[in-house]
Protein backbone atom coordinates (compact mmCIF):
# COMPACT_ATOMS: atom_id res chain seq x y z
CA UNK A 1 2.23 -7.35 -0.02
CA UNK A 2 1.88 -4.97 -2.95
CA UNK A 3 4.82 -2.58 -2.64
CA UNK A 4 5.29 0.75 -4.40
CA UNK A 5 9.04 1.41 -4.63
CA UNK A 6 10.22 4.85 -5.73
CA UNK A 7 13.69 5.16 -7.25
CA UNK A 8 13.67 1.47 -8.13
CA UNK A 9 15.95 1.87 -11.15
CA UNK A 10 18.69 3.45 -9.07
CA UNK A 11 21.48 1.81 -7.14
CA UNK A 12 19.86 0.97 -3.79
CA UNK A 13 16.35 0.90 -5.24
CA UNK A 14 17.28 -1.57 -7.97
CA UNK A 15 18.95 -3.87 -5.49
CA UNK A 16 15.87 -3.58 -3.26
CA UNK A 17 13.47 -4.44 -6.09
CA UNK A 18 15.59 -7.47 -6.99
CA UNK A 19 15.58 -8.62 -3.36
CA UNK A 20 11.82 -8.18 -3.00
CA UNK A 21 11.16 -10.20 -6.15
CA UNK A 22 13.68 -13.00 -5.61
CA UNK A 23 13.73 -13.46 -1.83
CA UNK A 24 10.08 -12.74 -0.99
CA UNK A 25 6.61 -13.20 -2.49
CA UNK A 26 5.83 -9.49 -2.79
CA UNK A 27 4.55 -7.70 -5.90
CA UNK A 28 6.41 -4.52 -6.85
CA UNK A 29 5.37 -1.37 -8.70
CA UNK A 30 8.69 0.24 -9.53
CA UNK A 31 8.43 4.00 -10.11
CA UNK A 32 11.47 5.91 -11.37
CA UNK A 33 11.94 9.12 -13.37
CA UNK A 34 15.02 7.64 -15.14
CA UNK A 35 17.24 10.64 -14.62
CA UNK A 36 20.97 10.12 -15.20
CA UNK A 37 21.51 7.48 -12.48
CA UNK A 38 18.32 5.51 -13.16
CA UNK A 39 19.29 2.64 -15.41
CA UNK A 40 16.86 -0.03 -16.62
CA UNK A 41 19.83 -2.18 -17.70
CA UNK A 42 20.41 -2.73 -14.00
CA UNK A 43 17.03 -4.52 -13.89
CA UNK A 44 17.45 -6.62 -17.04
CA UNK A 45 17.46 -9.90 -15.13
CA UNK A 46 14.11 -9.18 -13.45
CA UNK A 47 12.41 -7.10 -16.15
CA UNK A 48 10.12 -9.98 -17.11
CA UNK A 49 9.38 -11.12 -13.56
CA UNK A 50 5.59 -11.56 -13.22
CA UNK A 51 5.59 -9.68 -9.92
CA UNK A 52 7.37 -6.62 -11.33
CA UNK A 53 5.89 -3.64 -13.13
CA UNK A 54 7.92 -0.58 -14.07
CA UNK A 55 6.47 2.90 -14.59
CA UNK A 56 8.52 5.89 -15.63
CA UNK A 57 7.19 8.79 -13.57
CA UNK A 58 8.53 11.66 -11.48
CA UNK A 59 7.56 11.88 -7.81
CA UNK A 60 7.15 15.64 -8.27
CA UNK A 61 4.21 14.95 -10.62
CA UNK A 62 1.26 15.01 -8.22
CA UNK A 63 -1.33 13.82 -10.73
CA UNK A 64 0.83 10.85 -11.71
CA UNK A 65 1.47 9.87 -8.09
CA UNK A 66 -2.19 10.04 -7.09
CA UNK A 67 -3.13 8.02 -10.18
CA UNK A 68 -0.59 5.31 -9.40
CA UNK A 69 -1.82 4.99 -5.81
CA UNK A 70 -5.42 4.77 -6.99
CA UNK A 71 -4.61 2.11 -9.59
CA UNK A 72 -2.07 -0.06 -7.73
CA UNK A 73 -3.46 0.33 -4.20
CA UNK A 74 -0.17 -0.44 -2.44
CA UNK A 75 0.04 -2.08 0.98
CA UNK A 76 3.47 -0.59 1.55
CA UNK A 77 5.45 2.33 0.12
CA UNK A 78 9.26 2.23 0.15
CA UNK A 79 10.48 5.70 -0.80
CA UNK A 80 14.05 5.79 -2.14
CA UNK A 81 13.77 8.26 -5.04
CA UNK A 82 16.24 11.10 -4.46
CA UNK A 83 19.06 13.15 -5.84
CA UNK A 84 21.92 11.68 -3.86
CA UNK A 85 25.39 12.96 -4.70
CA UNK A 86 26.98 15.63 -2.49
CA UNK A 87 29.21 17.06 -5.24
CA UNK A 88 26.24 17.53 -7.55
CA UNK A 89 24.27 19.21 -4.79
CA UNK A 90 27.03 21.79 -4.38
CA UNK A 91 27.04 22.59 -8.11
CA UNK A 92 23.27 22.38 -8.65
CA UNK A 93 21.20 22.44 -5.44
CA UNK A 94 17.89 23.20 -7.15
CA UNK A 95 17.32 19.64 -8.34
CA UNK A 96 17.89 18.39 -4.78
CA UNK A 97 15.33 20.79 -3.34
CA UNK A 98 12.80 19.85 -6.00
CA UNK A 99 13.15 16.06 -5.88
CA UNK A 100 14.10 15.40 -2.27
CA UNK A 101 11.84 17.96 -0.59
CA UNK A 102 9.00 18.78 -2.98
CA UNK A 103 8.89 15.23 -4.33
CA UNK A 104 8.69 13.73 -0.86
CA UNK A 105 5.88 16.15 0.05
CA UNK A 106 3.90 15.15 -3.04
CA UNK A 107 4.42 11.45 -2.35
CA UNK A 108 3.36 11.86 1.28
CA UNK A 109 0.20 13.63 0.17
CA UNK A 110 -0.62 10.86 -2.30
CA UNK A 111 0.04 8.23 0.38
CA UNK A 112 -2.10 10.16 2.86
CA UNK A 113 -5.07 10.31 0.48
CA UNK A 114 -4.70 6.60 -0.21
CA UNK A 115 -4.37 5.70 3.47
CA UNK A 116 -7.36 7.75 4.58
CA UNK A 117 -9.56 5.82 2.14
CA UNK A 118 -8.50 2.43 3.53
CA UNK A 119 -10.49 0.47 6.06
CA UNK A 120 -10.05 -2.64 8.17
CA UNK A 121 -6.98 -4.83 7.73
CA UNK A 122 -5.76 -2.86 4.72
CA UNK A 123 -5.58 0.27 6.87
CA UNK A 124 -3.92 -1.59 9.74
CA UNK A 125 -1.24 -3.07 7.45
CA UNK A 126 -0.33 0.05 5.47
CA UNK A 127 3.22 1.37 5.94
CA UNK A 128 5.29 4.20 4.46
CA UNK A 129 9.06 3.78 4.73
CA UNK A 130 11.18 6.87 4.10
CA UNK A 131 14.81 5.93 3.33
CA UNK A 132 17.40 8.52 4.32
CA UNK A 133 21.07 9.01 5.12
CA UNK A 134 23.39 9.43 8.09
CA UNK A 135 24.61 12.68 6.53
CA UNK A 136 21.66 14.51 8.10
CA UNK A 137 23.47 14.22 11.43
CA UNK A 138 26.47 16.26 10.33
CA UNK A 139 30.06 15.35 11.20
CA UNK A 140 31.71 13.46 14.06
CA UNK A 141 35.10 13.97 15.63
CA UNK A 142 37.52 11.17 16.38
CA UNK A 143 35.05 9.48 18.71
CA UNK A 144 31.31 9.00 19.06
CA UNK A 145 28.57 7.54 16.87
CA UNK A 146 25.28 8.64 15.37
CA UNK A 147 22.22 7.30 17.18
CA UNK A 148 18.56 7.80 16.44
CA UNK A 149 18.59 10.63 18.99
CA UNK A 150 21.51 12.55 17.47
CA UNK A 151 20.46 16.15 16.63
CA UNK A 152 20.37 17.03 12.94
CA UNK A 153 23.24 19.18 11.64
CA UNK A 154 23.39 18.90 7.82
CA UNK A 155 26.30 20.61 6.06
CA UNK A 156 25.63 20.21 2.32
CA UNK A 157 22.64 20.99 0.10
CA UNK A 158 22.18 17.22 -0.29
CA UNK A 159 22.11 16.46 3.42
CA UNK A 160 19.93 19.50 4.11
CA UNK A 161 17.39 18.33 1.53
CA UNK A 162 17.33 14.85 3.07
CA UNK A 163 16.95 16.32 6.55
CA UNK A 164 13.97 18.30 5.30
CA UNK A 165 12.38 15.19 3.80
CA UNK A 166 12.93 13.30 7.07
CA UNK A 167 11.15 16.06 8.97
CA UNK A 168 8.29 16.11 6.48
CA UNK A 169 7.82 12.35 6.84
CA UNK A 170 7.71 12.56 10.62
CA UNK A 171 5.37 15.57 10.47
CA UNK A 172 2.91 13.61 8.32
CA UNK A 173 3.08 10.81 10.88
CA UNK A 174 2.36 13.16 13.78
CA UNK A 175 -0.16 15.45 12.11
CA UNK A 176 -2.05 13.06 9.82
CA UNK A 177 -1.30 9.76 11.62
CA UNK A 178 0.26 8.30 8.47
CA UNK A 179 2.06 5.09 9.55
CA UNK A 180 5.59 6.23 8.71
CA UNK A 181 8.95 4.65 9.49
CA UNK A 182 12.33 6.28 8.74
CA UNK A 183 15.75 4.72 8.20
CA UNK A 184 19.09 6.53 8.13
CA UNK A 185 21.91 4.54 6.57
CA UNK A 186 25.68 4.84 6.22
CA UNK A 187 27.55 4.85 2.89
CA UNK A 188 26.33 2.09 0.57
CA UNK A 189 28.44 0.16 -1.91
CA UNK A 190 28.01 -2.89 -4.12
CA UNK A 191 26.75 -3.97 -7.57
CA UNK A 192 25.15 -1.52 -10.00
CA UNK A 193 26.38 1.66 -8.26
CA UNK A 194 26.54 4.55 -10.71
CA UNK A 195 30.20 5.43 -11.34
CA UNK A 196 30.26 8.78 -9.59
CA UNK A 197 30.62 7.51 -6.00
CA UNK A 198 34.00 6.71 -4.45
CA UNK A 199 34.18 2.93 -4.83
CA UNK A 200 33.15 2.62 -8.50
CA UNK A 201 35.27 5.68 -9.35
CA UNK A 202 38.32 3.98 -7.83
CA UNK A 203 37.67 0.67 -9.57
CA UNK A 204 36.88 2.07 -13.01
CA UNK A 205 39.59 4.74 -13.04
CA UNK A 206 42.09 2.09 -12.01
CA UNK A 207 41.03 -0.23 -14.82
CA UNK A 208 41.19 2.61 -17.37
CA UNK A 209 44.66 3.70 -16.24
CA UNK A 210 43.29 7.07 -15.10
CA UNK A 211 44.21 8.97 -11.92
CA UNK A 212 42.35 7.76 -8.84
CA UNK A 213 41.18 10.98 -7.11
CA UNK A 214 41.22 11.20 -3.31
CA UNK A 215 39.95 14.34 -1.60
CA UNK A 216 42.37 16.22 0.68
CA UNK A 217 44.62 13.83 2.60
CA UNK A 218 42.14 10.97 2.40
CA UNK A 219 41.64 10.99 6.16
CA UNK A 220 37.83 11.40 6.06
CA UNK A 221 36.17 8.37 7.66
CA UNK A 222 32.98 6.62 6.58
CA UNK A 223 31.06 3.55 7.72
CA UNK A 224 30.54 1.30 4.69
CA UNK A 225 27.34 -0.72 4.28
CA UNK A 226 27.00 -3.42 1.62
CA UNK A 227 23.86 -2.74 -0.41
CA UNK A 228 22.65 -6.33 -0.09
CA UNK A 229 22.71 -5.99 3.69
CA UNK A 230 20.95 -2.63 3.46
CA UNK A 231 18.00 -3.84 1.38
CA UNK A 232 17.44 -6.72 3.78
CA UNK A 233 17.37 -4.17 6.60
CA UNK A 234 14.81 -2.05 4.75
CA UNK A 235 12.52 -5.04 4.29
CA UNK A 236 12.97 -5.97 7.95
CA UNK A 237 12.03 -2.46 9.07
CA UNK A 238 8.90 -2.11 6.97
CA UNK A 239 7.74 -5.63 7.82
CA UNK A 240 8.48 -5.62 11.54
CA UNK A 241 9.47 -2.12 12.68
CA UNK A 242 7.39 0.00 15.03
CA UNK A 243 5.36 2.70 13.32
CA UNK A 244 6.71 6.17 14.02
CA UNK A 245 10.21 4.93 14.81
CA UNK A 246 13.57 5.68 13.19
CA UNK A 247 16.14 2.94 12.66
CA UNK A 248 19.81 3.61 11.88
CA UNK A 249 21.38 1.09 9.51
CA UNK A 250 25.17 0.73 9.46
CA UNK A 251 27.81 -1.69 8.30
CA UNK A 252 30.06 -1.72 11.41
CA UNK A 253 32.80 -1.00 8.90
CA UNK A 254 34.60 2.32 9.48
CA UNK A 255 37.52 3.17 7.21
CA UNK A 256 39.57 6.19 6.22
CA UNK A 257 39.02 6.99 2.56
CA UNK A 258 42.69 6.49 1.74
CA UNK A 259 42.74 3.10 3.47
CA UNK A 260 39.68 2.01 1.52
CA UNK A 261 41.21 3.17 -1.77
CA UNK A 262 44.39 1.21 -1.04
CA UNK A 263 42.33 -1.87 -0.14
CA UNK A 264 40.49 -1.66 -3.47
CA UNK A 265 43.78 -1.22 -5.32
CA UNK A 266 45.14 -4.30 -3.55
CA UNK A 267 42.09 -6.35 -4.55
CA UNK A 268 42.51 -5.21 -8.15
CA UNK A 269 46.21 -6.10 -8.02
CA UNK A 270 45.15 -9.61 -7.06
CA UNK A 271 42.11 -10.07 -9.31
CA UNK A 272 43.15 -8.08 -12.42
CA UNK A 273 46.89 -7.25 -12.26
CA UNK A 274 48.20 -4.32 -14.29
CA UNK A 275 49.97 -5.33 -17.48
CA UNK A 276 53.17 -3.61 -16.33
CA UNK A 277 53.18 -5.47 -13.02
CA UNK A 278 52.89 -2.28 -10.95
CA UNK A 279 50.26 -1.62 -8.28
CA UNK A 280 47.11 0.33 -9.05
CA UNK A 281 47.95 2.36 -5.93
CA UNK A 282 50.48 4.25 -8.05
CA UNK A 283 47.49 5.91 -9.77
CA UNK A 284 46.26 7.52 -6.52
CA UNK A 285 46.13 11.32 -6.86
CA UNK A 286 45.24 13.67 -4.02
CA UNK A 287 42.93 16.49 -5.12
CA UNK A 288 41.58 19.67 -3.52
CA UNK A 289 39.01 18.84 -0.86
CA UNK A 290 35.38 19.64 -1.54
CA UNK A 291 33.61 22.42 0.41
CA UNK A 292 32.03 21.38 3.71
CA UNK A 293 33.48 17.86 3.58
CA UNK A 294 32.34 16.13 6.79
CA UNK A 295 35.21 14.49 8.63
CA UNK A 296 33.67 11.33 9.99
CA UNK A 297 30.40 9.38 9.99
CA UNK A 298 29.75 6.38 12.22
CA UNK A 299 26.41 4.64 12.78
CA UNK A 300 25.22 2.96 15.95
CA UNK A 301 22.91 0.23 14.62
CA UNK A 302 22.16 -1.24 18.05
CA UNK A 303 18.45 -0.43 17.90
CA UNK A 304 17.66 -2.31 14.68
CA UNK A 305 19.66 -5.27 15.96
CA UNK A 306 18.03 -5.29 19.37
CA UNK A 307 14.44 -4.75 18.21
CA UNK A 308 14.37 -6.47 14.83
CA UNK A 309 17.31 -8.88 14.85
CA UNK A 310 19.08 -7.39 11.82
CA UNK A 311 22.86 -7.42 11.54
CA UNK A 312 25.10 -6.85 8.47
CA UNK A 313 26.33 -10.10 6.93
CA UNK A 314 29.36 -8.72 5.10
CA UNK A 315 32.51 -8.24 7.16
CA UNK A 316 35.34 -5.72 6.77
CA UNK A 317 36.66 -7.34 3.59
CA UNK A 318 34.14 -9.71 1.98
CA UNK A 319 31.75 -7.08 0.60
CA UNK A 320 34.56 -5.11 -1.02
CA UNK A 321 35.94 -8.25 -2.68
CA UNK A 322 32.48 -9.13 -4.02
CA UNK A 323 32.05 -5.59 -5.32
CA UNK A 324 35.38 -5.48 -7.15
CA UNK A 325 34.66 -8.91 -8.66
CA UNK A 326 31.21 -7.73 -9.81
CA UNK A 327 32.65 -4.73 -11.68
CA UNK A 328 35.28 -6.95 -13.28
CA UNK A 329 32.59 -9.41 -14.40
CA UNK A 330 30.11 -6.80 -15.63
CA UNK A 331 32.14 -4.56 -17.90
CA UNK A 332 29.32 -4.32 -20.44
CA UNK A 333 27.13 -2.59 -17.83
CA UNK A 334 29.61 0.13 -16.90
CA UNK A 335 31.19 0.57 -20.34
CA UNK A 336 27.91 1.96 -21.67
CA UNK A 337 28.16 4.72 -19.06
CA UNK A 338 31.86 5.44 -19.43
CA UNK A 339 31.88 5.54 -23.25
CA UNK A 340 28.92 7.93 -23.46
CA UNK A 341 26.40 5.61 -25.11
CA UNK A 342 24.37 5.86 -21.91
CA UNK A 343 22.82 9.32 -21.92
CA UNK A 344 23.86 11.52 -19.03
CA UNK A 345 20.86 13.79 -18.71
CA UNK A 346 21.76 15.99 -15.75
CA UNK A 347 24.28 18.77 -15.15
CA UNK A 348 27.69 17.66 -13.92
CA UNK A 349 27.25 14.05 -14.96
CA UNK A 350 30.72 13.39 -16.34
CA UNK A 351 32.64 10.54 -14.71
CA UNK A 352 35.81 11.72 -13.08
């Protein structure tokens, strides 16, 4: 298949592009605006792959999107481009509205025009996968899980913008019969994650001898999904999922934030001990909680397992060990971000 991937220089998108090029025979048109978290250095190992073409373009640019569809004529679209950090959405919600809502609308319109011109097998095979988050469902108490039928209840500008883009995607499926699928995933982690999310912040602050910030008491709970497992799920859904359906993708890996931070510190103690012999856990610092911080997320991924046979491969410890080892082995990649030689182009982009 010829696949148009949006956001393919970002964390999940870059890992997806790498998977599509190395584990399948697909051809990829990688479209990314290269805002602060889009990093072509993350694609250095596949930059020359004959099946990969990169185009710097913004999904909010309607003319550019229509032109790319007309030129590339994709069989599938995998839409991952988004502003994605809750803290940033609180400080600057406008970019989230523009990219996540307006950008998704423009991409859907370009896909619709392309799809309506297709005939025969090309029309039958076309798919549009919209990749979203479990945060659209809101917050859980001590029990329960998010299913595909859970009502939406977003609490941050980020989650609200993703909820809106989910609804737009489903509306284009219902109104214009665009063959759309939607996935909602739990918290991703793994190689090439921009150092603003919890796991890379913990690892890199620990290595630099800086305080390791933990919101509130650290008792917020998340389900952690290894990015390699996630991208395999995305390919499984677009290749075999039922058009019009939503599939939740989770890691079966719930942890309190403080327990995860201590696990990461323990892995660092083992793999890169501090020079003074003390534990990295001594750097943990509790900070004021962020506004509207959801207490707990938990995904029920039964449907994707039952219908499509997908299950996460990483267990409760293996993915975290691989991730810590990757950051230890790839200091050149993250040093260019930490030391400022990598341009941080958006508001609030300092690493904390």
